[in-house]
């Protein structure tokens, strides 16, 4: 344990998408496994207040925390690796920084001074960086800075890091610079020049990299590491190779082998020992040595981009390892699903997950998928919009309400079995106004959900505006679909099931946000188990 919190900044150079989030999460895992209370925060340089209004094609999925923050998907990695919840304080955007400073100016807090990037914006950034450190809950705070060094958007953040490095003093802050060592196949060699330029750009901003983490497809030789150390002003042992991994969950062990944790702890004047990764490696062993395989269809409208459903895909990895099963996820675009091709697209699957989403594009394909799995007794999990599609499909095809729909898709539907939540009816602004964060749910005994959770009262994270319309609840339940989970205060239907189906569950919340390596989400574990049972029966 440390008396004053230590700060680690992770910057990126040469190219985006090098995996700063995974490196930050892997280092945090190694430090946590040595007894240091560690957390990670992400500073995003875009001007949106949060990613809540961003199209998933732009930025991947929007991750939601217990306290209702709509955040960057990297926070999902932080939670999955560390098994510690993140919060509003773990993700800051340029939009939020500027909004805060402008609000202060409007309130007259700057006493008539000219408001400038330095010191006002950089002071706000420094304040946000240190909120977690000042809480007294952590020994080490890792701050990942989004974007690439040299971007105009990143400049105020890099300047704030420069000031903090100076203010916090030696042994209290360090900078890890993640960079790319490209391999030129025509020349048959790795090239260090892009890294040298990137480090030089960082130094021009007054920030010196203490550790270089080099993304590469090929092993870095000793001579190449020496060259990088010499030209980039770092010690040779602080040049860390990050070679492409078959799974992101290999990276903590790779970083351990490279000595990243040792170098970092030495620079921070902290004791280093052998990290306890027994549980982590047990998970890896099960993940890499499955005893069987299931194929699960992921029905959505953003399936071209894997990051759109990142937490769902990772939850399948956790649940697969728990069941010692390889989960092969088949992405199926709901927009192109119809009666003519549904047998071909879904007939061979062992389970189907209908994904969350917004808007009417692709919903009829999702409804067709639900009907197919319901009629063919294939295990089904519907999340958020996926659960709503199950209610619409059942209302149309079992109860006979042929025009049943959600008012999100058809405002004047004669049978609004899914409707806008009462609390949402006067909401005009789109950003941060949905039902967000952790809410309670009471589970009915003798249900699949009760068997899955093993308890009556749970809390799960939400992100939605529309809900099951309780005016239709009696009619739907009498027809055979049961509401087995309710919010204790509002009566909102949180879970639906079909008891005479082998495994059919829809949930209004997002279980994927809470699945971690150490605690795979029970709903995903049970769903994968049901798919395995179905596979064996086939």
Protein backbone atom coordinates (compact mmCIF):
# COMPACT_ATOMS: atom_id res chain seq x y z
CA UNK A 1 0.00 0.00 0.00
CA UNK A 2 1.18 3.53 -0.72
CA UNK A 3 0.58 6.72 1.23
CA UNK A 4 0.31 9.00 -1.80
CA UNK A 5 -1.33 7.63 -4.95
CA UNK A 6 0.96 7.10 -7.93
CA UNK A 7 -0.03 8.06 -11.48
CA UNK A 8 0.71 6.22 -14.71
CA UNK A 9 -0.16 7.86 -18.04
CA UNK A 10 -0.56 5.76 -21.19
CA UNK A 11 -0.18 7.63 -24.47
CA UNK A 12 -0.22 6.33 -28.03
CA UNK A 13 1.78 7.13 -31.13
CA UNK A 14 2.09 6.29 -34.85
CA UNK A 15 -1.41 4.83 -35.22
CA UNK A 16 -4.72 4.53 -33.41
CA UNK A 17 -6.19 1.15 -32.38
CA UNK A 18 -2.86 -0.19 -31.06
CA UNK A 19 -4.57 -1.43 -27.90
CA UNK A 20 -3.77 1.19 -25.23
CA UNK A 21 -6.82 -0.03 -23.30
CA UNK A 22 -5.62 -3.64 -23.25
CA UNK A 23 -2.07 -2.64 -22.24
CA UNK A 24 -3.47 -0.40 -19.48
CA UNK A 25 -5.82 -3.17 -18.27
CA UNK A 26 -3.03 -5.79 -18.40
CA UNK A 27 -0.62 -3.64 -16.40
CA UNK A 28 -3.40 -2.87 -13.91
CA UNK A 29 -4.06 -6.61 -13.56
CA UNK A 30 -0.38 -7.28 -12.79
CA UNK A 31 -0.27 -4.47 -10.21
CA UNK A 32 -3.56 -5.57 -8.64
CA UNK A 33 -2.26 -9.16 -8.48
CA UNK A 34 0.61 -7.83 -6.32
CA UNK A 35 -1.76 -6.24 -3.81
CA UNK A 36 -1.88 -2.67 -5.15
CA UNK A 37 -5.34 -1.08 -5.27
CA UNK A 38 -5.42 -0.07 -8.91
CA UNK A 39 -7.92 1.66 -11.16
CA UNK A 40 -7.88 2.96 -14.74
CA UNK A 41 -9.48 6.00 -16.29
CA UNK A 42 -9.90 7.02 -19.92
CA UNK A 43 -9.56 10.56 -21.24
CA UNK A 44 -11.30 10.85 -24.61
CA UNK A 45 -10.36 13.79 -26.84
CA UNK A 46 -13.67 14.06 -28.73
CA UNK A 47 -16.03 16.98 -28.05
CA UNK A 48 -19.12 14.83 -27.42
CA UNK A 49 -20.05 14.97 -23.73
CA UNK A 50 -20.07 11.14 -23.75
CA UNK A 51 -20.38 8.38 -26.37
CA UNK A 52 -24.11 7.93 -25.58
CA UNK A 53 -25.24 9.76 -28.72
CA UNK A 54 -22.58 8.23 -30.99
CA UNK A 55 -23.48 5.70 -33.67
CA UNK A 56 -21.83 2.32 -32.84
CA UNK A 57 -20.23 2.41 -36.33
CA UNK A 58 -18.38 5.53 -35.14
CA UNK A 59 -17.15 4.40 -31.76
CA UNK A 60 -18.16 0.81 -31.03
CA UNK A 61 -20.51 0.01 -28.18
CA UNK A 62 -21.41 2.45 -25.44
CA UNK A 63 -20.55 0.89 -22.08
CA UNK A 64 -22.68 1.74 -19.02
CA UNK A 65 -21.49 1.82 -15.39
CA UNK A 66 -23.49 1.16 -12.19
CA UNK A 67 -23.85 4.90 -11.56
CA UNK A 68 -25.33 5.45 -15.03
CA UNK A 69 -22.34 6.87 -16.92
CA UNK A 70 -22.38 6.22 -20.68
CA UNK A 71 -18.72 5.59 -21.36
CA UNK A 72 -16.06 4.38 -23.76
CA UNK A 73 -15.91 0.62 -24.41
CA UNK A 74 -12.40 0.51 -22.89
CA UNK A 75 -14.04 0.78 -19.45
CA UNK A 76 -15.53 -2.62 -20.20
CA UNK A 77 -12.01 -4.02 -20.60
CA UNK A 78 -10.97 -2.39 -17.31
CA UNK A 79 -13.85 -4.05 -15.45
CA UNK A 80 -13.43 -7.43 -17.16
CA UNK A 81 -9.73 -7.55 -16.26
CA UNK A 82 -9.87 -6.07 -12.74
CA UNK A 83 -13.32 -7.23 -11.60
CA UNK A 84 -13.76 -3.78 -9.98
CA UNK A 85 -16.68 -1.51 -10.99
CA UNK A 86 -15.86 1.76 -12.74
CA UNK A 87 -17.88 4.98 -12.44
CA UNK A 88 -18.54 8.42 -13.88
CA UNK A 89 -15.06 9.44 -12.68
CA UNK A 90 -13.32 6.82 -14.86
CA UNK A 91 -14.19 8.42 -18.22
CA UNK A 92 -13.75 12.09 -19.14
CA UNK A 93 -14.23 13.70 -22.55
CA UNK A 94 -13.10 17.03 -23.96
CA UNK A 95 -16.78 17.93 -24.21
CA UNK A 96 -17.24 17.42 -20.48
CA UNK A 97 -14.05 19.38 -19.68
CA UNK A 98 -15.08 22.39 -21.78
CA UNK A 99 -18.68 22.23 -20.53
CA UNK A 100 -17.44 22.37 -16.92
CA UNK A 101 -15.09 25.30 -17.59
CA UNK A 102 -17.74 27.26 -19.51
CA UNK A 103 -20.28 26.66 -16.71
CA UNK A 104 -17.75 28.02 -14.19
CA UNK A 105 -17.16 31.07 -16.38
CA UNK A 106 -20.92 31.71 -16.59
CA UNK A 107 -21.14 31.53 -12.80
CA UNK A 108 -18.35 34.13 -12.54
CA UNK A 109 -15.90 31.78 -10.82
CA UNK A 110 -12.91 33.09 -12.79
CA UNK A 111 -13.44 36.63 -11.43
CA UNK A 112 -13.46 38.33 -14.82
CA UNK A 113 -10.25 36.71 -16.09
CA UNK A 114 -9.82 35.69 -19.73
CA UNK A 115 -10.56 31.96 -19.89
CA UNK A 116 -7.81 30.09 -21.77
CA UNK A 117 -6.66 26.58 -22.62
CA UNK A 118 -3.73 27.11 -20.24
CA UNK A 119 -4.34 27.29 -17.33
CA UNK A 120 -8.14 26.84 -17.20
CA UNK A 121 -8.69 23.82 -19.45
CA UNK A 122 -5.50 22.07 -18.30
CA UNK A 123 -6.37 22.76 -14.64
CA UNK A 124 -9.77 21.13 -15.18
CA UNK A 125 -8.10 18.11 -16.81
CA UNK A 126 -5.64 17.80 -13.90
CA UNK A 127 -8.51 18.06 -11.42
CA UNK A 128 -10.43 15.25 -13.23
CA UNK A 129 -7.32 13.05 -13.40
CA UNK A 130 -6.83 13.34 -9.62
CA UNK A 131 -10.44 12.76 -8.47
CA UNK A 132 -9.88 9.00 -8.15
CA UNK A 133 -6.47 9.52 -6.49
CA UNK A 134 -7.93 11.95 -3.95
CA UNK A 135 -10.67 9.48 -3.00
CA UNK A 136 -8.20 7.47 -0.90
CA UNK A 137 -9.45 4.23 -2.48
CA UNK A 138 -6.47 3.58 -4.75
CA UNK A 139 -2.71 3.23 -4.62
CA UNK A 140 -2.17 3.51 -8.38
CA UNK A 141 -4.23 5.34 -11.00
CA UNK A 142 -3.58 4.49 -14.64
CA UNK A 143 -4.79 7.16 -17.06
CA UNK A 144 -5.21 6.21 -20.70
CA UNK A 145 -5.19 9.18 -23.07
CA UNK A 146 -7.25 8.54 -26.19
CA UNK A 147 -6.10 9.40 -29.69
CA UNK A 148 -2.54 9.69 -30.94
CA UNK A 149 0.27 12.04 -29.89
CA UNK A 150 0.40 14.94 -32.33
CA UNK A 151 -3.39 15.13 -32.79
CA UNK A 152 -4.71 18.66 -32.19
CA UNK A 153 -7.42 17.18 -29.94
CA UNK A 154 -4.87 15.54 -27.61
CA UNK A 155 -2.66 18.60 -27.03
CA UNK A 156 -4.38 19.93 -23.86
CA UNK A 157 -4.20 16.44 -22.31
CA UNK A 158 -0.49 16.05 -23.09
CA UNK A 159 0.13 19.52 -21.61
CA UNK A 160 -1.79 18.52 -18.46
CA UNK A 161 0.38 15.39 -18.19
CA UNK A 162 3.54 17.53 -18.54
CA UNK A 163 2.38 19.78 -15.70
CA UNK A 164 1.38 16.85 -13.48
CA UNK A 165 4.69 15.05 -14.04
CA UNK A 166 6.45 18.19 -12.83
CA UNK A 167 4.05 18.88 -9.93
CA UNK A 168 3.92 15.31 -8.60
CA UNK A 169 7.70 14.91 -8.77
CA UNK A 170 9.97 11.92 -9.31
CA UNK A 171 8.66 8.46 -8.42
CA UNK A 172 5.03 9.66 -8.32
CA UNK A 173 4.19 9.77 -12.03
CA UNK A 174 5.43 8.08 -15.17
CA UNK A 175 4.51 7.93 -18.85
CA UNK A 176 4.14 4.76 -20.91
CA UNK A 177 4.15 5.41 -24.63
CA UNK A 178 2.56 2.75 -26.82
CA UNK A 179 3.83 2.72 -30.36
CA UNK A 180 4.02 0.59 -33.51
CA UNK A 181 7.06 -1.14 -34.98
CA UNK A 182 5.88 -1.89 -38.53
CA UNK A 183 7.26 -4.83 -40.50
CA UNK A 184 8.09 -4.06 -44.14
CA UNK A 185 7.75 -7.37 -45.94
CA UNK A 186 9.51 -6.06 -49.07
CA UNK A 187 12.60 -5.21 -46.99
CA UNK A 188 12.05 -8.13 -44.60
CA UNK A 189 12.69 -6.02 -41.54
CA UNK A 190 11.11 -4.16 -38.63
CA UNK A 191 11.34 -0.35 -38.75
CA UNK A 192 11.93 1.85 -35.70
CA UNK A 193 11.71 5.25 -37.41
CA UNK A 194 7.92 5.78 -36.81
CA UNK A 195 8.51 5.17 -33.08
CA UNK A 196 11.45 7.58 -33.00
CA UNK A 197 9.30 10.29 -34.64
CA UNK A 198 6.43 9.60 -32.25
CA UNK A 199 8.66 9.89 -29.16
CA UNK A 200 10.18 13.08 -30.61
CA UNK A 201 6.67 14.55 -31.04
CA UNK A 202 5.91 13.69 -27.42
CA UNK A 203 9.16 15.34 -26.26
CA UNK A 204 8.34 18.48 -28.26
CA UNK A 205 5.32 18.81 -25.96
CA UNK A 206 7.65 18.59 -22.96
CA UNK A 207 6.71 15.03 -22.01
CA UNK A 208 9.35 12.34 -21.69
CA UNK A 209 8.34 8.67 -22.11
CA UNK A 210 9.65 6.51 -19.25
CA UNK A 211 8.57 3.22 -20.82
CA UNK A 212 8.08 2.26 -24.47
CA UNK A 213 5.60 -0.50 -25.27
CA UNK A 214 6.08 -1.57 -28.88
CA UNK A 215 3.26 -3.28 -30.78
CA UNK A 216 4.75 -5.72 -33.27
CA UNK A 217 3.96 -8.77 -35.38
CA UNK A 218 7.51 -10.14 -34.99
CA UNK A 219 9.94 -10.61 -32.08
CA UNK A 220 12.10 -7.57 -31.34
CA UNK A 221 15.80 -8.43 -31.28
CA UNK A 222 18.13 -7.21 -28.53
CA UNK A 223 19.93 -4.92 -30.94
CA UNK A 224 16.63 -3.34 -32.03
CA UNK A 225 15.65 -2.77 -28.38
CA UNK A 226 19.06 -1.17 -27.76
CA UNK A 227 18.59 1.09 -30.77
CA UNK A 228 15.16 2.19 -29.53
CA UNK A 229 16.50 2.80 -26.01
CA UNK A 230 19.38 4.91 -27.36
CA UNK A 231 17.28 7.05 -29.72
CA UNK A 232 14.26 7.40 -27.42
CA UNK A 233 16.07 8.17 -24.13
CA UNK A 234 14.81 5.16 -22.20
CA UNK A 235 16.59 2.27 -20.51
CA UNK A 236 16.80 -0.94 -22.51
CA UNK A 237 14.71 -2.86 -19.94
CA UNK A 238 12.01 -0.18 -20.38
CA UNK A 239 11.58 -1.13 -24.06
CA UNK A 240 8.73 -3.61 -23.85
CA UNK A 241 7.63 -5.85 -26.70
CA UNK A 242 3.86 -6.29 -27.20
CA UNK A 243 3.54 -9.00 -29.81
CA UNK A 244 0.17 -9.87 -31.40
CA UNK A 245 -1.75 -12.28 -29.16
CA UNK A 246 -4.33 -14.94 -30.02
CA UNK A 247 -6.57 -13.52 -27.26
CA UNK A 248 -6.47 -10.26 -25.30
CA UNK A 249 -6.43 -12.37 -22.12
CA UNK A 250 -2.89 -13.51 -22.96
CA UNK A 251 -1.55 -9.96 -22.71
CA UNK A 252 -1.07 -9.78 -18.89
CA UNK A 253 1.18 -12.86 -19.07
CA UNK A 254 3.06 -11.41 -22.06
CA UNK A 255 3.63 -8.17 -20.13
CA UNK A 256 4.74 -10.18 -17.07
CA UNK A 257 7.30 -12.03 -19.21
CA UNK A 258 8.55 -8.70 -20.57
CA UNK A 259 8.89 -7.29 -17.03
CA UNK A 260 6.55 -4.31 -17.56
CA UNK A 261 5.27 -4.43 -13.97
CA UNK A 262 8.83 -4.59 -12.55
CA UNK A 263 10.02 -1.60 -14.59
CA UNK A 264 6.94 0.44 -13.62
CA UNK A 265 7.11 -0.37 -9.90
CA UNK A 266 10.85 0.37 -9.78
CA UNK A 267 10.28 3.78 -11.40
CA UNK A 268 7.49 4.51 -8.90
CA UNK A 269 9.74 3.43 -6.00
CA UNK A 270 7.36 0.61 -5.04
CA UNK A 271 8.07 -2.97 -4.03
CA UNK A 272 7.57 -5.58 -6.73
CA UNK A 273 6.79 -9.23 -6.17
CA UNK A 274 5.35 -12.20 -8.04
CA UNK A 275 1.77 -11.47 -9.15
CA UNK A 276 -0.86 -14.02 -8.12
CA UNK A 277 -2.39 -14.95 -11.48
CA UNK A 278 -3.59 -18.46 -10.55
CA UNK A 279 -7.26 -17.74 -11.10
CA UNK A 280 -6.55 -15.81 -14.30
CA UNK A 281 -4.46 -18.67 -15.71
CA UNK A 282 -7.11 -21.21 -14.72
CA UNK A 283 -9.60 -19.23 -16.84
CA UNK A 284 -7.09 -19.11 -19.73
CA UNK A 285 -6.54 -22.86 -19.53
CA UNK A 286 -10.27 -23.57 -19.73
CA UNK A 287 -10.70 -21.00 -22.52
CA UNK A 288 -7.91 -22.54 -24.62
CA UNK A 289 -8.79 -26.20 -24.00
CA UNK A 290 -12.53 -26.54 -24.60
CA UNK A 291 -14.10 -30.00 -24.47
CA UNK A 292 -16.81 -29.18 -27.01
CA UNK A 293 -18.15 -26.42 -29.25
CA UNK A 294 -21.46 -24.61 -29.73
CA UNK A 295 -22.51 -22.17 -32.43
CA UNK A 296 -24.59 -19.21 -31.32
CA UNK A 297 -26.15 -16.69 -33.70
CA UNK A 298 -25.81 -13.01 -32.77
CA UNK A 299 -28.66 -11.18 -34.51
CA UNK A 300 -28.07 -7.44 -34.81
CA UNK A 301 -27.83 -4.53 -37.20
CA UNK A 302 -24.24 -3.48 -36.47
CA UNK A 303 -22.66 -6.91 -36.95
CA UNK A 304 -20.09 -5.68 -39.50
CA UNK A 305 -18.25 -4.00 -36.63
CA UNK A 306 -17.34 -6.36 -33.78
CA UNK A 307 -16.78 -3.49 -31.36
CA UNK A 308 -20.52 -2.71 -31.53
CA UNK A 309 -21.22 -5.81 -29.42
CA UNK A 310 -17.89 -6.02 -27.60
CA UNK A 311 -19.25 -6.82 -24.13
CA UNK A 312 -21.54 -9.55 -25.51
CA UNK A 313 -18.66 -11.23 -27.37
CA UNK A 314 -16.44 -11.09 -24.26
CA UNK A 315 -19.29 -12.45 -22.09
CA UNK A 316 -19.45 -15.49 -24.40
CA UNK A 317 -15.70 -16.04 -23.87
CA UNK A 318 -16.16 -15.94 -20.06
CA UNK A 319 -19.25 -18.20 -20.16
CA UNK A 320 -17.57 -20.56 -22.64
CA UNK A 321 -14.55 -21.02 -20.35
CA UNK A 322 -16.87 -21.64 -17.40
CA UNK A 323 -18.63 -24.40 -19.37
CA UNK A 324 -15.36 -25.62 -20.98
CA UNK A 325 -16.97 -24.94 -24.35
CA UNK A 326 -15.75 -23.00 -27.37
CA UNK A 327 -18.51 -20.56 -28.28
CA UNK A 328 -18.43 -19.85 -32.00
CA UNK A 329 -20.42 -16.65 -32.52
CA UNK A 330 -22.02 -16.28 -35.94
CA UNK A 331 -22.88 -12.64 -36.68
CA UNK A 332 -26.16 -12.39 -38.62
CA UNK A 333 -27.41 -9.08 -40.00
CA UNK A 334 -31.07 -8.69 -39.00
CA UNK A 335 -31.80 -6.37 -41.95
CA UNK A 336 -31.31 -9.24 -44.40
CA UNK A 337 -33.23 -11.92 -42.47
CA UNK A 338 -36.56 -12.98 -43.95
CA UNK A 339 -38.88 -15.98 -44.32
CA UNK A 340 -37.00 -17.23 -47.39
CA UNK A 341 -33.54 -17.48 -45.80
CA UNK A 342 -34.25 -17.92 -42.09
CA UNK A 343 -34.08 -21.74 -42.09
CA UNK A 344 -30.71 -21.58 -43.88
CA UNK A 345 -29.34 -18.83 -41.58
CA UNK A 346 -30.59 -20.14 -38.23
CA UNK A 347 -31.43 -23.83 -38.66
CA UNK A 348 -27.94 -25.12 -37.75
CA UNK A 349 -27.48 -22.94 -34.64
CA UNK A 350 -27.37 -24.17 -31.04
CA UNK A 351 -28.65 -20.88 -29.62
CA UNK A 352 -29.69 -17.40 -30.73
CA UNK A 353 -29.06 -14.04 -29.05
CA UNK A 354 -31.05 -11.08 -30.33
CA UNK A 355 -28.95 -8.02 -29.59
CA UNK A 356 -29.82 -4.60 -28.18
CA UNK A 357 -30.15 -1.54 -30.40
CA UNK A 358 -32.26 1.46 -31.33
CA UNK A 359 -34.44 2.43 -34.29
CA UNK A 360 -36.56 0.47 -36.73
CA UNK A 361 -33.88 -0.73 -39.17
CA UNK A 362 -33.66 -4.52 -39.05
CA UNK A 363 -36.39 -5.09 -36.43
CA UNK A 364 -38.61 -7.29 -38.64
CA UNK A 365 -35.60 -9.59 -39.14
CA UNK A 366 -35.17 -9.78 -35.36
CA UNK A 367 -38.88 -10.62 -34.93
CA UNK A 368 -38.61 -13.34 -37.61
CA UNK A 369 -35.57 -14.78 -35.78
CA UNK A 370 -37.47 -14.89 -32.47
CA UNK A 371 -40.40 -16.69 -34.14
CA UNK A 372 -38.07 -19.26 -35.69
CA UNK A 373 -36.27 -20.11 -32.43
CA UNK A 374 -39.52 -20.15 -30.44
CA UNK A 375 -41.21 -22.55 -32.88
CA UNK A 376 -38.12 -24.76 -33.18
CA UNK A 377 -37.31 -24.85 -29.45
CA UNK A 378 -33.80 -23.38 -29.94
CA UNK A 379 -32.32 -21.70 -26.79
CA UNK A 380 -32.94 -17.95 -26.91
CA UNK A 381 -31.59 -14.90 -25.08
CA UNK A 382 -32.97 -11.45 -25.88
CA UNK A 383 -31.23 -8.36 -24.49
CA UNK A 384 -33.03 -4.98 -24.20
CA UNK A 385 -34.48 -4.49 -27.71
CA UNK A 386 -34.07 -8.26 -28.17
CA UNK A 387 -36.43 -8.86 -25.23
CA UNK A 388 -38.89 -6.32 -26.66
CA UNK A 389 -38.85 -8.09 -30.04
CA UNK A 390 -39.74 -11.36 -28.24
CA UNK A 391 -42.78 -9.67 -26.66
CA UNK A 392 -43.89 -8.24 -30.03
CA UNK A 393 -43.42 -11.59 -31.80
CA UNK A 394 -45.41 -13.45 -29.12
CA UNK A 395 -48.20 -10.83 -29.20
CA UNK A 396 -48.48 -11.07 -32.98
CA UNK A 397 -48.12 -14.80 -33.58
CA UNK A 398 -49.45 -16.44 -30.42
CA UNK A 399 -52.03 -13.99 -29.03
CA UNK A 400 -53.16 -12.83 -32.48
CA UNK A 401 -52.54 -9.09 -32.11
CA UNK A 402 -51.36 -8.92 -35.71
CA UNK A 403 -50.36 -5.23 -35.59
CA UNK A 404 -48.60 -5.35 -32.21
CA UNK A 405 -45.49 -3.21 -32.15
CA UNK A 406 -43.34 -0.80 -30.18
CA UNK A 407 -44.20 2.90 -30.34
CA UNK A 408 -40.48 3.40 -31.10
CA UNK A 409 -41.06 1.72 -34.49
CA UNK A 410 -44.70 2.71 -35.11
CA UNK A 411 -46.03 5.62 -33.12
CA UNK A 412 -49.71 4.89 -33.80
CA UNK A 413 -49.68 1.10 -33.51
CA UNK A 414 -53.09 -0.20 -32.33
CA UNK A 415 -51.32 -2.59 -29.92
CA UNK A 416 -48.35 -0.82 -28.27
CA UNK A 417 -47.10 -3.84 -26.31
CA UNK A 418 -43.81 -1.92 -25.95
CA UNK A 419 -44.19 1.76 -25.13
CA UNK A 420 -42.16 4.81 -24.15
CA UNK A 421 -41.52 4.87 -20.40
CA UNK A 422 -43.67 7.36 -18.50
CA UNK A 423 -40.53 9.09 -17.19
CA UNK A 424 -39.30 9.59 -20.77
CA UNK A 425 -42.41 11.25 -22.22
CA UNK A 426 -41.33 14.84 -21.57
CA UNK A 427 -37.65 14.29 -22.37
CA UNK A 428 -36.44 16.43 -25.27
CA UNK A 429 -32.65 16.21 -25.04
CA UNK A 430 -31.15 12.93 -26.23
CA UNK A 431 -27.80 12.81 -24.37
CA UNK A 432 -27.65 11.08 -20.99
CA UNK A 433 -31.44 11.07 -20.55
CA UNK A 434 -32.30 7.36 -20.89
CA UNK A 435 -32.95 5.04 -17.97
CA UNK A 436 -29.31 4.37 -17.12
CA UNK A 437 -27.24 2.47 -14.58
CA UNK A 438 -28.03 -0.19 -11.99
CA UNK A 439 -31.67 -0.85 -11.04
CA UNK A 440 -33.22 -3.47 -8.79
CA UNK A 441 -35.17 -6.50 -10.00
CA UNK A 442 -37.21 -9.00 -7.97
CA UNK A 443 -37.22 -12.49 -9.49
CA UNK A 444 -40.15 -14.87 -9.31
CA UNK A 445 -39.33 -18.25 -7.77
CA UNK A 446 -39.61 -21.40 -9.91
CA UNK A 447 -38.38 -19.47 -12.97
CA UNK A 448 -35.32 -19.95 -15.20
CA UNK A 449 -33.99 -16.61 -13.92
CA UNK A 450 -34.31 -17.71 -10.28
CA UNK A 451 -32.41 -20.91 -11.09
CA UNK A 452 -29.76 -18.88 -12.96
CA UNK A 453 -29.15 -16.24 -10.27
CA UNK A 454 -29.87 -18.38 -7.21
CA UNK A 455 -31.42 -15.35 -5.50
CA UNK A 456 -34.59 -13.28 -5.55
CA UNK A 457 -33.16 -9.75 -5.56
CA UNK A 458 -30.63 -8.63 -8.14
CA UNK A 459 -29.30 -5.38 -9.62
CA UNK A 460 -28.49 -5.01 -13.31
CA UNK A 461 -27.46 -2.14 -15.58
CA UNK A 462 -29.87 -0.50 -18.01
CA UNK A 463 -29.83 1.70 -21.09
CA UNK A 464 -33.29 2.18 -22.63
CA UNK A 465 -36.29 4.48 -23.17
CA UNK A 466 -39.01 1.96 -24.01
CA UNK A 467 -40.53 -0.73 -21.81
CA UNK A 468 -42.99 -3.62 -21.64
CA UNK A 469 -46.50 -2.08 -21.57
CA UNK A 470 -48.15 -3.43 -18.43
CA UNK A 471 -51.63 -2.86 -19.94
CA UNK A 472 -50.96 -6.07 -21.91
CA UNK A 473 -49.32 -8.02 -19.09
CA UNK A 474 -52.33 -10.13 -18.07
CA UNK A 475 -53.17 -11.00 -21.68
CA UNK A 476 -49.58 -11.97 -22.48
CA UNK A 477 -49.17 -14.03 -19.29
CA UNK A 478 -52.45 -15.87 -19.85
CA UNK A 479 -51.19 -16.87 -23.29
CA UNK A 480 -48.07 -18.50 -21.77
CA UNK A 481 -45.25 -15.90 -21.72
CA UNK A 482 -44.39 -15.05 -18.11
CA UNK A 483 -42.98 -11.88 -16.57
CA UNK A 484 -40.56 -13.43 -14.07
CA UNK A 485 -38.58 -10.32 -13.06
CA UNK A 486 -40.06 -6.96 -12.00
CA UNK A 487 -38.66 -3.69 -10.72
CA UNK A 488 -39.93 -3.55 -7.10
CA UNK A 489 -40.75 0.18 -7.24
CA UNK A 490 -42.20 0.73 -10.71
CA UNK A 491 -43.47 -2.72 -11.67
CA UNK A 492 -41.43 -2.48 -14.87
CA UNK A 493 -41.07 -5.92 -16.46
CA UNK A 494 -37.37 -6.78 -16.40
CA UNK A 495 -37.43 -10.48 -17.42
CA UNK A 496 -39.75 -12.52 -19.65
CA UNK A 497 -39.70 -16.30 -20.14
CA UNK A 498 -41.68 -18.99 -21.95
CA UNK A 499 -41.90 -21.90 -19.48
CA UNK A 500 -42.91 -24.54 -22.07
CA UNK A 501 -39.84 -23.74 -24.20
CA UNK A 502 -36.52 -25.47 -23.39
CA UNK A 503 -34.71 -22.15 -22.63
CA UNK A 504 -36.30 -18.85 -23.65
CA UNK A 505 -35.32 -15.70 -21.71
CA UNK A 506 -35.56 -12.00 -22.53
CA UNK A 507 -34.16 -9.28 -20.26
CA UNK A 508 -34.73 -5.53 -20.39
CA UNK A 509 -31.29 -4.89 -18.86
CA UNK A 510 -27.75 -5.50 -20.17
CA UNK A 511 -26.17 -8.50 -18.39
CA UNK A 512 -23.09 -8.28 -20.66
CA UNK A 513 -21.89 -5.14 -18.83
CA UNK A 514 -21.28 -7.10 -15.62
CA UNK A 515 -19.50 -10.19 -16.95
CA UNK A 516 -15.82 -10.43 -15.94
CA UNK A 517 -13.06 -13.04 -16.10
CA UNK A 518 -13.41 -13.66 -12.35
CA UNK A 519 -17.23 -13.56 -12.40
CA UNK A 520 -18.74 -14.73 -15.70
CA UNK A 521 -22.34 -13.52 -15.88
CA UNK A 522 -24.69 -16.32 -14.73
CA UNK A 523 -27.19 -15.59 -17.51
CA UNK A 524 -24.55 -16.13 -20.20
CA UNK A 525 -23.21 -19.20 -18.40
CA UNK A 526 -26.72 -20.72 -18.30
CA UNK A 527 -27.45 -19.76 -21.92
CA UNK A 528 -24.24 -21.41 -23.15
CA UNK A 529 -25.05 -24.49 -21.04
CA UNK A 530 -28.52 -24.62 -22.64
CA UNK A 531 -26.94 -24.33 -26.12
CA UNK A 532 -24.58 -27.20 -25.27
CA UNK A 533 -27.49 -29.36 -24.09
CA UNK A 534 -29.40 -28.57 -27.29
CA UNK A 535 -26.29 -29.37 -29.38
CA UNK A 536 -25.91 -32.79 -27.74
CA UNK A 537 -29.62 -33.53 -28.18
CA UNK A 538 -29.31 -32.75 -31.91
